[in-house]
Amino acid sequence: MAKVSFLGLGVMGFPMAGHLVAKGHDVTVYNRTASKAEAWVKEHGGAMALTPREAAAGADFVMACVGNDDDLRAVCTGADGAFQAMAAGTLFVDHTTVSAKVTRELFAAADAAKISFVDAPVSGGQAGAEGGVLSIMCGGEQGAYDRAEPVMDAYARICRRIGDSGAGQLCKMVNQICIAGLVQGLSEGLHFAEKAGLDGRAVVEVISQGAAGSWQMANRYETMIDDNFDFGFAVDLMRKDLGICLDTADENGASLPVTALVDQFYKDVQKLGGARWDTSSLIRRLRAMDAS
């Protein structure tokens, strides 16, 4: 068992840190809003710190799951960043979905301080975090990954090293690109069924057993039919991620026409007031177009 610091207690980080305690690790948490850290300690035990630096002091592993590139820089190399307190030979694991550029930047900063760094974005949403069944895609040196994997196993269904630093983030971009097209296709299919006067639940019962089946269909079709979007990953966060995908595609020459289009559809959802709706709310945009 290890001494672990966990930075960031949002909808993903809160349960992930809890799984570490359940596996017997000694966990200290930090969150920008201290009341969340207090609530976590009340629920799970462990300890809390008021800064990333304080949380990281004496830790064998420091895990982070924060908001974006700037948030990650702040908790790593900011005025009270974790890197200032981490001893040589310790390991930083980043579960945030960020750009490969900032990952490589922080990998270099960690390497200069003799700290190991693994980028390890996750997929599976809030339900996956709560159930401890996330998919974790990792980048970094093989030795660092081998050390981190048994700790990440506390909340993983599958965990794989994809390649060197930044490869985990690039893999997560592939994940988000695939999801964007799937959710739009599912939205259009369910919308078509509605317009055709079909029972959407009966339709999905049949087609989900064939080639059209997907995780999105199995887990989101009922709430989409019911026009309920309080589940899973928020539109604001998806647009952040798709922006990273599109920026990276500009750099590497990849063509992402469907991703670019769906990103604009999510912009329309934001204008409908759906910034915090989950990503399946693309169907609400189609219904709104009918009503206009």
Protein backbone atom coordinates (compact mmCIF):
# COMPACT_ATOMS: atom_id res chain seq x y z
CA MET A 1 0.00 0.00 0.00
CA ALA A 2 1.20 3.50 -0.80
CA LYS A 3 1.04 7.04 0.49
CA VAL A 4 -1.01 8.83 -2.19
CA SER A 5 -2.02 12.44 -2.77
CA PHE A 6 -5.06 13.14 -4.95
CA LEU A 7 -5.54 16.63 -6.43
CA GLY A 8 -9.02 17.54 -7.69
CA LEU A 9 -12.31 16.24 -6.31
CA GLY A 10 -14.82 16.86 -9.08
CA VAL A 11 -17.40 14.34 -10.29
CA MET A 12 -14.54 12.04 -11.34
CA GLY A 13 -11.85 12.70 -8.76
CA PHE A 14 -14.09 12.43 -5.70
CA PRO A 15 -15.00 8.75 -6.22
CA MET A 16 -11.60 7.85 -7.70
CA ALA A 17 -9.84 9.04 -4.54
CA GLY A 18 -12.39 7.09 -2.50
CA HIS A 19 -11.47 3.86 -4.29
CA LEU A 20 -7.84 4.39 -3.30
CA VAL A 21 -8.85 4.44 0.37
CA ALA A 22 -10.97 1.33 -0.14
CA LYS A 23 -7.87 -0.45 -1.46
CA GLY A 24 -5.97 0.45 1.69
CA HIS A 25 -3.85 3.37 0.48
CA ASP A 26 -3.03 6.29 2.77
CA VAL A 27 -4.69 9.19 0.92
CA THR A 28 -4.42 12.97 1.33
CA VAL A 29 -6.67 15.09 -0.90
CA TYR A 30 -6.62 18.65 -2.18
CA ASN A 31 -9.39 20.57 -3.91
CA ARG A 32 -9.48 24.23 -4.92
CA THR A 33 -12.82 24.54 -3.10
CA ALA A 34 -11.85 23.30 0.36
CA SER A 35 -15.42 22.36 1.32
CA LYS A 36 -15.31 19.48 -1.18
CA ALA A 37 -12.16 18.15 0.43
CA GLU A 38 -13.81 18.41 3.83
CA ALA A 39 -16.82 16.48 2.54
CA TRP A 40 -14.55 13.82 1.06
CA VAL A 41 -12.67 13.33 4.34
CA LYS A 42 -15.96 13.08 6.20
CA GLU A 43 -17.12 10.33 3.81
CA HIS A 44 -13.89 8.40 3.23
CA GLY A 45 -11.47 9.27 6.02
CA GLY A 46 -7.91 10.13 5.05
CA ALA A 47 -6.65 13.70 5.27
CA MET A 48 -6.94 16.98 3.40
CA ALA A 49 -4.45 19.71 2.55
CA LEU A 50 -4.94 23.35 1.67
CA THR A 51 -2.44 23.45 -1.22
CA PRO A 52 -1.13 20.94 -3.78
CA ARG A 53 2.33 21.40 -2.32
CA GLU A 54 1.13 20.48 1.16
CA ALA A 55 -0.82 17.49 -0.17
CA ALA A 56 2.18 16.16 -2.11
CA ALA A 57 4.68 16.38 0.75
CA GLY A 58 5.86 12.88 1.62
CA ALA A 59 3.68 11.16 -0.98
CA ASP A 60 4.89 8.22 -3.07
CA PHE A 61 2.31 8.94 -5.76
CA VAL A 62 0.49 12.16 -6.64
CA MET A 63 -2.62 11.79 -8.79
CA ALA A 64 -4.45 14.73 -10.41
CA CYS A 65 -7.85 15.10 -12.04
CA VAL A 66 -8.51 18.81 -12.57
CA GLY A 67 -10.16 20.94 -15.25
CA ASN A 68 -7.87 22.01 -18.08
CA ASP A 69 -4.29 22.87 -19.13
CA ASP A 70 -4.05 25.95 -16.90
CA ASP A 71 -5.48 24.12 -13.88
CA LEU A 72 -2.96 21.33 -14.35
CA ARG A 73 -0.04 23.75 -14.64
CA ALA A 74 -1.20 25.46 -11.45
CA VAL A 75 -1.31 22.27 -9.37
CA CYS A 76 2.02 21.05 -10.78
CA THR A 77 4.30 24.07 -11.12
CA GLY A 78 2.34 26.99 -9.63
CA ALA A 79 3.32 28.98 -6.56
CA ASP A 80 2.17 26.14 -4.30
CA GLY A 81 2.47 23.39 -6.89
CA ALA A 82 2.99 19.73 -6.09
CA PHE A 83 6.34 19.49 -7.89
CA GLN A 84 7.88 21.75 -5.25
CA ALA A 85 7.26 19.15 -2.55
CA MET A 86 7.75 15.89 -4.45
CA ALA A 87 10.97 14.04 -3.72
CA ALA A 88 13.21 12.60 -6.41
CA GLY A 89 11.92 9.21 -7.50
CA THR A 90 8.26 9.88 -6.72
CA LEU A 91 5.59 9.63 -9.41
CA PHE A 92 2.95 12.05 -10.72
CA VAL A 93 -0.08 10.61 -12.54
CA ASP A 94 -2.33 13.01 -14.46
CA HIS A 95 -5.90 11.85 -15.08
CA THR A 96 -7.02 15.21 -16.50
CA THR A 97 -7.96 15.42 -20.18
CA VAL A 98 -5.56 18.08 -21.46
CA SER A 99 -3.46 18.80 -24.54
CA ALA A 100 -0.50 16.62 -25.40
CA LYS A 101 1.49 19.87 -25.51
CA VAL A 102 1.03 20.66 -21.81
CA THR A 103 1.63 17.01 -20.96
CA ARG A 104 5.03 17.06 -22.65
CA GLU A 105 5.82 20.41 -21.03
CA LEU A 106 5.10 19.05 -17.56
CA PHE A 107 6.84 15.76 -18.30
CA ALA A 108 9.99 17.77 -19.02
CA ALA A 109 9.58 19.82 -15.82
CA ALA A 110 9.06 16.65 -13.80
CA ASP A 111 12.05 14.97 -15.43
CA ALA A 112 14.26 17.93 -14.53
CA ALA A 113 13.21 17.45 -10.90
CA LYS A 114 13.79 13.66 -11.13
CA ILE A 115 10.04 13.06 -10.79
CA SER A 116 8.35 10.43 -12.98
CA PHE A 117 5.27 11.59 -14.92
CA VAL A 118 2.50 9.50 -16.50
CA ASP A 119 -0.35 11.04 -18.49
CA ALA A 120 -3.38 8.83 -17.83
CA PRO A 121 -6.69 10.32 -19.02
CA VAL A 122 -9.77 8.24 -18.31
CA SER A 123 -12.99 7.26 -20.04
CA GLY A 124 -16.17 5.90 -18.51
CA GLY A 125 -17.78 9.02 -17.10
CA GLN A 126 -19.11 9.59 -13.62
CA ALA A 127 -20.68 6.13 -13.50
CA GLY A 128 -17.34 4.54 -14.37
CA ALA A 129 -15.55 6.56 -11.70
CA GLU A 130 -18.13 5.66 -9.07
CA GLY A 131 -18.07 2.00 -10.03
CA GLY A 132 -14.28 1.84 -10.25
CA VAL A 133 -14.45 0.60 -13.86
CA LEU A 134 -12.70 3.32 -15.85
CA SER A 135 -10.69 2.81 -19.02
CA ILE A 136 -7.27 4.42 -18.52
CA MET A 137 -5.00 5.24 -21.46
CA CYS A 138 -1.43 6.09 -20.51
CA GLY A 139 1.69 7.75 -21.86
CA GLY A 140 5.13 7.85 -20.31
CA GLU A 141 8.15 5.70 -19.64
CA GLN A 142 7.51 1.98 -19.24
CA GLY A 143 9.06 1.83 -15.78
CA ALA A 144 6.92 4.70 -14.50
CA TYR A 145 3.79 3.09 -15.91
CA ASP A 146 4.63 -0.25 -14.32
CA ARG A 147 4.86 1.46 -10.93
CA ALA A 148 1.64 3.42 -11.38
CA GLU A 149 -0.56 0.67 -12.79
CA PRO A 150 -1.15 -1.22 -9.50
CA VAL A 151 -2.32 2.02 -7.85
CA MET A 152 -4.58 3.00 -10.76
CA ASP A 153 -6.07 -0.50 -10.64
CA ALA A 154 -8.19 0.75 -7.71
CA TYR A 155 -10.56 2.41 -10.19
CA ALA A 156 -9.78 0.75 -13.53
CA ARG A 157 -11.57 -1.79 -15.69
CA ILE A 158 -8.68 -1.64 -18.13
CA CYS A 159 -5.38 0.25 -18.01
CA ARG A 160 -2.87 0.29 -20.87
CA ARG A 161 0.33 2.12 -21.78
CA ILE A 162 -0.12 3.46 -25.32
CA GLY A 163 3.35 4.96 -25.78
CA ASP A 164 5.68 7.73 -24.68
CA SER A 165 4.69 10.97 -22.94
CA GLY A 166 1.56 12.47 -24.51
CA ALA A 167 0.35 9.19 -26.03
CA GLY A 168 -2.32 8.80 -23.38
CA GLN A 169 -3.75 12.21 -24.19
CA LEU A 170 -3.67 11.49 -27.92
CA CYS A 171 -5.54 8.24 -27.29
CA LYS A 172 -8.15 10.14 -25.26
CA MET A 173 -8.61 12.46 -28.26
CA VAL A 174 -9.41 9.41 -30.39
CA ASN A 175 -11.95 8.39 -27.74
CA GLN A 176 -13.69 11.78 -27.84
CA ILE A 177 -13.65 11.92 -31.66
CA CYS A 178 -15.40 8.54 -31.79
CA ILE A 179 -17.96 9.51 -29.13
CA ALA A 180 -18.90 12.75 -30.91
CA GLY A 181 -19.93 10.97 -34.09
CA LEU A 182 -21.69 8.15 -32.24
CA VAL A 183 -23.84 10.47 -30.13
CA GLN A 184 -24.84 12.56 -33.14
CA GLY A 185 -25.76 9.41 -35.07
CA LEU A 186 -27.81 8.08 -32.15
CA SER A 187 -29.54 11.45 -31.78
CA GLU A 188 -30.48 11.50 -35.45
CA GLY A 189 -31.71 7.90 -35.34
CA LEU A 190 -33.94 8.45 -32.30
CA HIS A 191 -35.20 11.73 -33.75
CA PHE A 192 -36.05 9.99 -37.02
CA ALA A 193 -37.93 7.29 -35.09
CA GLU A 194 -39.95 9.96 -33.28
CA LYS A 195 -40.84 11.73 -36.54
CA ALA A 196 -41.81 8.40 -38.11
CA GLY A 197 -44.18 7.63 -35.23
CA LEU A 198 -42.21 4.62 -34.01
CA ASP A 199 -41.80 3.41 -30.42
CA GLY A 200 -38.19 4.39 -29.76
CA ARG A 201 -37.76 1.82 -27.00
CA ALA A 202 -38.95 -1.00 -29.24
CA VAL A 203 -36.68 0.22 -32.04
CA VAL A 204 -33.61 0.24 -29.79
CA GLU A 205 -34.47 -3.17 -28.32
CA VAL A 206 -34.11 -4.59 -31.82
CA ILE A 207 -31.28 -2.58 -33.36
CA SER A 208 -29.07 -2.60 -30.25
CA GLN A 209 -28.60 -6.35 -30.75
CA GLY A 210 -27.16 -5.80 -34.21
CA ALA A 211 -24.46 -3.72 -35.82
CA ALA A 212 -25.91 -0.41 -34.58
CA GLY A 213 -25.37 -1.29 -30.92
CA SER A 214 -22.97 0.82 -28.81
CA TRP A 215 -22.27 1.88 -25.23
CA GLN A 216 -23.97 5.19 -25.96
CA MET A 217 -27.10 3.43 -27.19
CA ALA A 218 -27.24 1.01 -24.27
CA ASN A 219 -26.67 3.66 -21.60
CA ARG A 220 -28.29 6.82 -23.00
CA TYR A 221 -31.20 5.97 -25.28
CA GLU A 222 -33.88 5.93 -22.57
CA THR A 223 -32.89 9.27 -21.06
CA MET A 224 -32.65 10.75 -24.55
CA ILE A 225 -36.17 9.56 -25.35
CA ASP A 226 -37.34 11.05 -22.04
CA ASP A 227 -35.56 14.37 -22.79
CA ASN A 228 -33.52 14.07 -19.60
CA PHE A 229 -29.88 15.16 -19.74
CA ASP A 230 -28.65 15.14 -16.15
CA PHE A 231 -26.31 12.18 -16.63
CA GLY A 232 -22.64 11.90 -17.40
CA PHE A 233 -20.19 14.22 -19.11
CA ALA A 234 -21.20 17.89 -19.52
CA VAL A 235 -21.38 19.69 -22.87
CA ASP A 236 -18.95 22.40 -21.69
CA LEU A 237 -16.32 19.74 -20.97
CA MET A 238 -16.95 17.96 -24.25
CA ARG A 239 -16.41 21.19 -26.17
CA LYS A 240 -13.15 21.71 -24.29
CA ASP A 241 -12.04 18.23 -25.31
CA LEU A 242 -13.16 18.56 -28.93
CA GLY A 243 -11.30 21.87 -29.12
CA ILE A 244 -8.12 20.02 -28.10
CA CYS A 245 -8.82 17.39 -30.77
CA LEU A 246 -9.35 19.98 -33.50
CA ASP A 247 -6.27 22.00 -32.51
CA THR A 248 -4.15 18.86 -32.57
CA ALA A 249 -5.59 17.86 -35.95
CA ASP A 250 -4.49 21.23 -37.31
CA GLU A 251 -0.99 20.39 -36.13
CA ASN A 252 -0.77 16.81 -37.41
CA GLY A 253 -2.83 17.20 -40.58
CA ALA A 254 -5.70 14.87 -39.62
CA SER A 255 -9.06 15.55 -41.29
CA LEU A 256 -11.92 15.67 -38.76
CA PRO A 257 -14.99 16.99 -40.63
CA VAL A 258 -17.58 15.17 -38.49
CA THR A 259 -15.87 16.19 -35.24
CA ALA A 260 -15.78 19.84 -36.34
CA LEU A 261 -19.47 19.71 -37.26
CA VAL A 262 -20.54 18.06 -33.99
CA ASP A 263 -18.50 20.61 -32.04
CA GLN A 264 -20.64 23.33 -33.63
CA PHE A 265 -23.78 21.36 -32.78
CA TYR A 266 -22.67 21.34 -29.14
CA LYS A 267 -22.20 25.10 -29.43
CA ASP A 268 -25.87 25.27 -30.43
CA VAL A 269 -26.76 23.20 -27.35
CA GLN A 270 -24.87 25.69 -25.17
CA LYS A 271 -26.95 28.49 -26.69
CA LEU A 272 -30.07 26.54 -25.70
CA GLY A 273 -28.89 26.72 -22.09
CA GLY A 274 -27.38 23.24 -22.09
CA ALA A 275 -23.82 23.95 -20.98
CA ARG A 276 -24.19 21.52 -18.07
CA TRP A 277 -26.42 19.00 -19.84
CA ASP A 278 -24.75 15.71 -20.66
CA THR A 279 -23.43 15.01 -24.15
CA SER A 280 -26.51 13.07 -25.25
CA SER A 281 -28.36 16.40 -25.35
CA LEU A 282 -27.53 16.70 -29.05
CA ILE A 283 -31.04 15.32 -29.62
CA ARG A 284 -32.49 18.39 -27.84
CA ARG A 285 -30.97 20.53 -30.62
CA LEU A 286 -32.88 18.52 -33.26
CA ARG A 287 -36.14 18.87 -31.31
CA ALA A 288 -35.52 22.59 -30.92
CA MET A 289 -35.05 22.91 -34.69
CA ASP A 290 -38.48 21.26 -35.18
CA ALA A 291 -40.09 23.69 -32.75
CA SER A 292 -38.62 26.81 -34.37
